[in-house]
Amino acid sequence: MIATLPVSTGPIYAFLAIDHGAQFISDSALMGMAGTTATVAFIAMHAVVAQRFSTPVSILAATACWFAVALALQLRTWALGEVCVLFAACFAAAILALRRFVVEIKAPPMPRVRFDLALRATLVACVVVATTIAGNSVGTAATGVLATYPVVFTSLVLILQPRWGGPFVASLLVNALKGLVGFGIALGVLHLAAARAGSGWALALALAVAVAWNVALTLLRRRRT
């Protein structure tokens, strides 16, 4: 649940809001919502490859799949209704098809190592810089999709898979799909709210939606168990 909060996308949109108007944020968020389907592709490819192959192969295959879907999304101009249909179909299919990769594996104790936080910070910084450059040169479509690059999932694979194995990390990422639904909905809310209420209020509302969704999922799971 924590991995699907906008810990990287939030700062990116904050920087974009400083440099661009509310309409730019609104248009980028719409493409960002569509771009969450590329993250689903990332998770799906990793889940398949990580069962048999090493961390480098898994991360390269998942990242290549993300870029392929992200580039395909640039081939047309998406309306909100089309994005909603794509979003719902993609997540419904992924949650059903990938549930076989969800396994109960107890993780062994893992001491904290020095490079964990540095790796995450570096990945976030790279995506922030790349998105800021894209916002000034290639427009809202590429900016919106790039802002949703799965920084947290990438860092989880690089940090955890060498220690706990591919099946464990694949299960972790697949479990995140339901939380990722809230992330996509938050981007949809940002798209609708930015053009009406301004970037600041829209960003706050979108963050509240993402947090509320994950809190609700966590409470529902606890109630069931």
Protein backbone atom coordinates (compact mmCIF):
# COMPACT_ATOMS: atom_id res chain seq x y z
CA MET A 1 0.00 0.00 0.00
CA ILE A 2 2.80 2.40 0.88
CA ALA A 3 4.57 1.66 -2.41
CA THR A 4 1.56 2.91 -4.39
CA LEU A 5 1.37 6.32 -2.72
CA PRO A 6 2.55 9.22 -4.95
CA VAL A 7 5.94 9.56 -3.25
CA SER A 8 7.66 10.31 -6.57
CA THR A 9 4.79 11.54 -8.73
CA GLY A 10 3.69 14.06 -6.10
CA PRO A 11 6.97 16.02 -6.10
CA ILE A 12 7.04 15.88 -9.90
CA TYR A 13 3.62 17.51 -10.18
CA ALA A 14 4.59 20.07 -7.55
CA PHE A 15 7.53 21.15 -9.71
CA LEU A 16 5.34 21.16 -12.82
CA ALA A 17 2.78 23.32 -11.04
CA ILE A 18 5.48 25.88 -10.34
CA ASP A 19 6.57 26.05 -13.98
CA HIS A 20 3.24 25.63 -15.76
CA GLY A 21 -0.40 26.57 -15.44
CA ALA A 22 -3.32 24.58 -14.13
CA GLN A 23 -4.39 23.47 -17.60
CA PHE A 24 -0.98 21.88 -18.20
CA ILE A 25 -1.33 19.97 -14.93
CA SER A 26 -4.82 18.88 -15.90
CA ASP A 27 -3.76 17.58 -19.32
CA SER A 28 -0.66 15.88 -17.93
CA ALA A 29 -2.69 14.16 -15.21
CA LEU A 30 -5.05 12.70 -17.81
CA MET A 31 -2.12 11.14 -19.64
CA GLY A 32 -0.69 10.11 -16.28
CA MET A 33 -3.87 8.17 -15.57
CA ALA A 34 -3.46 6.44 -18.92
CA GLY A 35 0.21 5.92 -18.09
CA THR A 36 -0.63 3.79 -15.05
CA THR A 37 -1.42 1.03 -17.53
CA ALA A 38 2.28 1.07 -18.45
CA THR A 39 3.05 0.44 -14.78
CA VAL A 40 0.68 -2.52 -14.88
CA ALA A 41 2.69 -3.82 -17.84
CA PHE A 42 5.87 -3.32 -15.80
CA ILE A 43 4.44 -5.41 -12.94
CA ALA A 44 3.13 -8.12 -15.25
CA MET A 45 6.40 -8.53 -17.14
CA HIS A 46 8.41 -8.59 -13.93
CA ALA A 47 6.10 -11.20 -12.39
CA VAL A 48 6.63 -13.54 -15.34
CA VAL A 49 10.36 -13.03 -15.80
CA ALA A 50 11.35 -12.94 -12.11
CA GLN A 51 10.18 -16.51 -11.55
CA ARG A 52 13.21 -17.86 -13.42
CA PHE A 53 15.69 -15.09 -14.12
CA SER A 54 18.02 -12.79 -12.19
CA THR A 55 17.43 -9.24 -11.01
CA PRO A 56 19.16 -7.53 -13.99
CA VAL A 57 17.14 -9.53 -16.52
CA SER A 58 13.91 -8.94 -14.60
CA ILE A 59 14.36 -5.19 -14.29
CA LEU A 60 15.46 -4.78 -17.91
CA ALA A 61 12.49 -6.75 -19.22
CA ALA A 62 10.01 -4.89 -17.00
CA THR A 63 11.46 -1.48 -17.88
CA ALA A 64 11.48 -2.27 -21.62
CA CYS A 65 7.82 -3.29 -21.35
CA TRP A 66 7.01 -0.04 -19.56
CA PHE A 67 8.66 2.04 -22.27
CA ALA A 68 6.90 0.09 -25.04
CA VAL A 69 3.46 0.73 -23.55
CA ALA A 70 4.35 4.34 -22.68
CA LEU A 71 5.38 5.00 -26.28
CA ALA A 72 2.24 3.32 -27.60
CA LEU A 73 0.10 5.62 -25.48
CA GLN A 74 1.62 8.62 -27.29
CA LEU A 75 0.17 7.50 -30.62
CA ARG A 76 -3.24 9.06 -30.00
CA THR A 77 -4.99 11.82 -28.12
CA TRP A 78 -7.03 10.33 -25.29
CA ALA A 79 -10.36 11.56 -23.98
CA LEU A 80 -11.29 11.07 -20.34
CA GLY A 81 -13.93 8.45 -21.14
CA GLU A 82 -11.45 6.44 -23.22
CA VAL A 83 -8.85 6.59 -20.46
CA CYS A 84 -11.39 5.37 -17.91
CA VAL A 85 -12.32 2.38 -20.09
CA LEU A 86 -8.66 1.54 -20.73
CA PHE A 87 -7.84 1.95 -17.03
CA ALA A 88 -10.70 -0.26 -15.81
CA ALA A 89 -10.13 -3.00 -18.39
CA CYS A 90 -6.39 -3.11 -17.83
CA PHE A 91 -6.57 -3.33 -14.04
CA ALA A 92 -9.41 -5.83 -14.00
CA ALA A 93 -7.54 -8.12 -16.39
CA ALA A 94 -4.24 -7.76 -14.52
CA ILE A 95 -5.67 -8.39 -11.05
CA LEU A 96 -7.34 -11.58 -12.29
CA ALA A 97 -4.51 -12.84 -14.48
CA LEU A 98 -1.65 -12.15 -12.08
CA ARG A 99 -3.17 -13.40 -8.83
CA ARG A 100 -1.43 -16.76 -9.37
CA PHE A 101 1.84 -14.95 -8.58
CA VAL A 102 0.61 -13.89 -5.14
CA VAL A 103 2.23 -16.29 -2.71
CA GLU A 104 2.68 -16.34 1.04
CA ILE A 105 6.43 -16.13 1.64
CA LYS A 106 7.84 -15.01 4.95
CA ALA A 107 10.67 -12.57 4.38
CA PRO A 108 13.83 -13.17 6.41
CA PRO A 109 15.26 -10.35 8.55
CA MET A 110 17.04 -7.80 6.39
CA PRO A 111 19.56 -5.36 7.82
CA ARG A 112 19.39 -1.86 6.42
CA VAL A 113 22.23 -1.12 4.02
CA ARG A 114 23.68 2.25 3.20
CA PHE A 115 22.74 2.53 -0.45
CA ASP A 116 18.97 1.91 -0.10
CA LEU A 117 17.91 5.49 0.59
CA ALA A 118 20.51 6.90 -1.80
CA LEU A 119 19.23 4.69 -4.63
CA ARG A 120 15.63 5.75 -4.09
CA ALA A 121 16.55 9.43 -3.88
CA THR A 122 18.65 9.18 -7.06
CA LEU A 123 15.85 7.50 -9.00
CA VAL A 124 13.32 10.11 -7.89
CA ALA A 125 15.71 12.94 -8.77
CA CYS A 126 16.34 11.51 -12.25
CA VAL A 127 12.62 11.21 -12.99
CA VAL A 128 11.95 14.72 -11.64
CA VAL A 129 14.67 16.19 -13.87
CA ALA A 130 13.55 14.19 -16.92
CA THR A 131 9.92 15.18 -16.41
CA THR A 132 10.78 18.85 -15.94
CA ILE A 133 12.76 18.82 -19.19
CA ALA A 134 9.93 17.01 -20.96
CA GLY A 135 7.43 19.56 -19.69
CA ASN A 136 9.41 22.34 -21.35
CA SER A 137 10.04 20.57 -24.64
CA VAL A 138 7.67 17.72 -25.59
CA GLY A 139 4.32 18.73 -24.10
CA THR A 140 1.74 17.33 -21.74
CA ALA A 141 1.33 13.82 -23.16
CA ALA A 142 4.92 12.66 -22.70
CA THR A 143 5.21 14.59 -19.44
CA GLY A 144 2.14 12.94 -17.96
CA VAL A 145 3.26 9.42 -18.81
CA LEU A 146 6.86 10.00 -17.74
CA ALA A 147 5.66 11.33 -14.38
CA THR A 148 4.18 7.91 -13.61
CA TYR A 149 7.40 5.96 -14.18
CA PRO A 150 7.42 3.32 -11.38
CA VAL A 151 10.35 4.67 -9.37
CA VAL A 152 9.35 2.93 -6.15
CA PHE A 153 8.75 -0.42 -7.86
CA THR A 154 12.10 -0.19 -9.64
CA SER A 155 13.91 0.48 -6.37
CA LEU A 156 12.05 -2.38 -4.66
CA VAL A 157 13.18 -4.80 -7.36
CA LEU A 158 16.80 -3.61 -7.26
CA ILE A 159 16.98 -3.66 -3.46
CA LEU A 160 14.87 -6.66 -2.46
CA GLN A 161 15.11 -9.21 -5.27
CA PRO A 162 18.82 -10.02 -4.79
CA ARG A 163 18.09 -10.80 -1.12
CA TRP A 164 14.63 -12.34 -1.09
CA GLY A 165 14.25 -13.73 -4.60
CA GLY A 166 12.10 -13.04 -7.63
CA PRO A 167 8.88 -14.82 -6.54
CA PHE A 168 8.72 -12.81 -3.30
CA VAL A 169 9.20 -9.44 -5.03
CA ALA A 170 6.80 -10.41 -7.83
CA SER A 171 4.17 -11.19 -5.22
CA LEU A 172 4.86 -7.85 -3.53
CA LEU A 173 4.37 -5.91 -6.77
CA VAL A 174 1.26 -7.83 -7.81
CA ASN A 175 -0.24 -7.16 -4.38
CA ALA A 176 0.29 -3.46 -5.10
CA LEU A 177 -2.10 -3.49 -8.07
CA LYS A 178 -5.17 -2.75 -5.93
CA GLY A 179 -3.41 0.19 -4.32
CA LEU A 180 -2.32 1.38 -7.75
CA VAL A 181 -5.99 1.69 -8.69
CA GLY A 182 -6.28 4.48 -6.13
CA PHE A 183 -3.20 6.15 -7.57
CA GLY A 184 -4.81 6.20 -11.02
CA ILE A 185 -8.10 7.52 -9.62
CA ALA A 186 -6.17 10.27 -7.86
CA LEU A 187 -4.69 11.33 -11.20
CA GLY A 188 -8.18 11.40 -12.67
CA VAL A 189 -9.29 13.64 -9.81
CA LEU A 190 -6.26 15.86 -10.44
CA HIS A 191 -7.22 16.14 -14.10
CA LEU A 192 -10.75 17.27 -13.27
CA ALA A 193 -9.88 19.51 -10.34
CA ALA A 194 -6.81 21.33 -11.70
CA ALA A 195 -8.68 23.20 -14.42
CA ARG A 196 -11.45 24.20 -12.00
CA ALA A 197 -9.83 24.81 -8.63
CA GLY A 198 -6.20 25.52 -9.53
CA SER A 199 -3.09 23.40 -9.19
CA GLY A 200 -2.59 23.75 -5.43
CA TRP A 201 -6.04 22.63 -4.32
CA ALA A 202 -6.12 19.93 -7.01
CA LEU A 203 -2.82 18.44 -5.86
CA ALA A 204 -3.99 18.39 -2.24
CA LEU A 205 -7.26 16.72 -3.23
CA ALA A 206 -5.51 14.12 -5.36
CA LEU A 207 -3.13 13.26 -2.50
CA ALA A 208 -6.09 12.90 -0.13
CA VAL A 209 -7.79 10.52 -2.57
CA ALA A 210 -4.68 8.34 -2.90
CA VAL A 211 -4.16 8.16 0.87
CA ALA A 212 -7.84 7.52 1.60
CA TRP A 213 -7.99 4.70 -0.97
CA ASN A 214 -5.00 2.89 0.55
CA VAL A 215 -6.21 3.40 4.11
CA ALA A 216 -9.61 1.97 3.12
CA LEU A 217 -7.98 -1.08 1.48
CA THR A 218 -5.83 -1.69 4.56
CA LEU A 219 -8.80 -1.46 6.93
CA LEU A 220 -10.88 -3.72 4.69
CA ARG A 221 -8.12 -6.35 4.64
CA ARG A 222 -7.79 -6.24 8.42
CA ARG A 223 -11.52 -6.59 8.85
CA ARG A 224 -11.58 -9.66 6.61
CA THR A 225 -8.73 -11.32 8.47
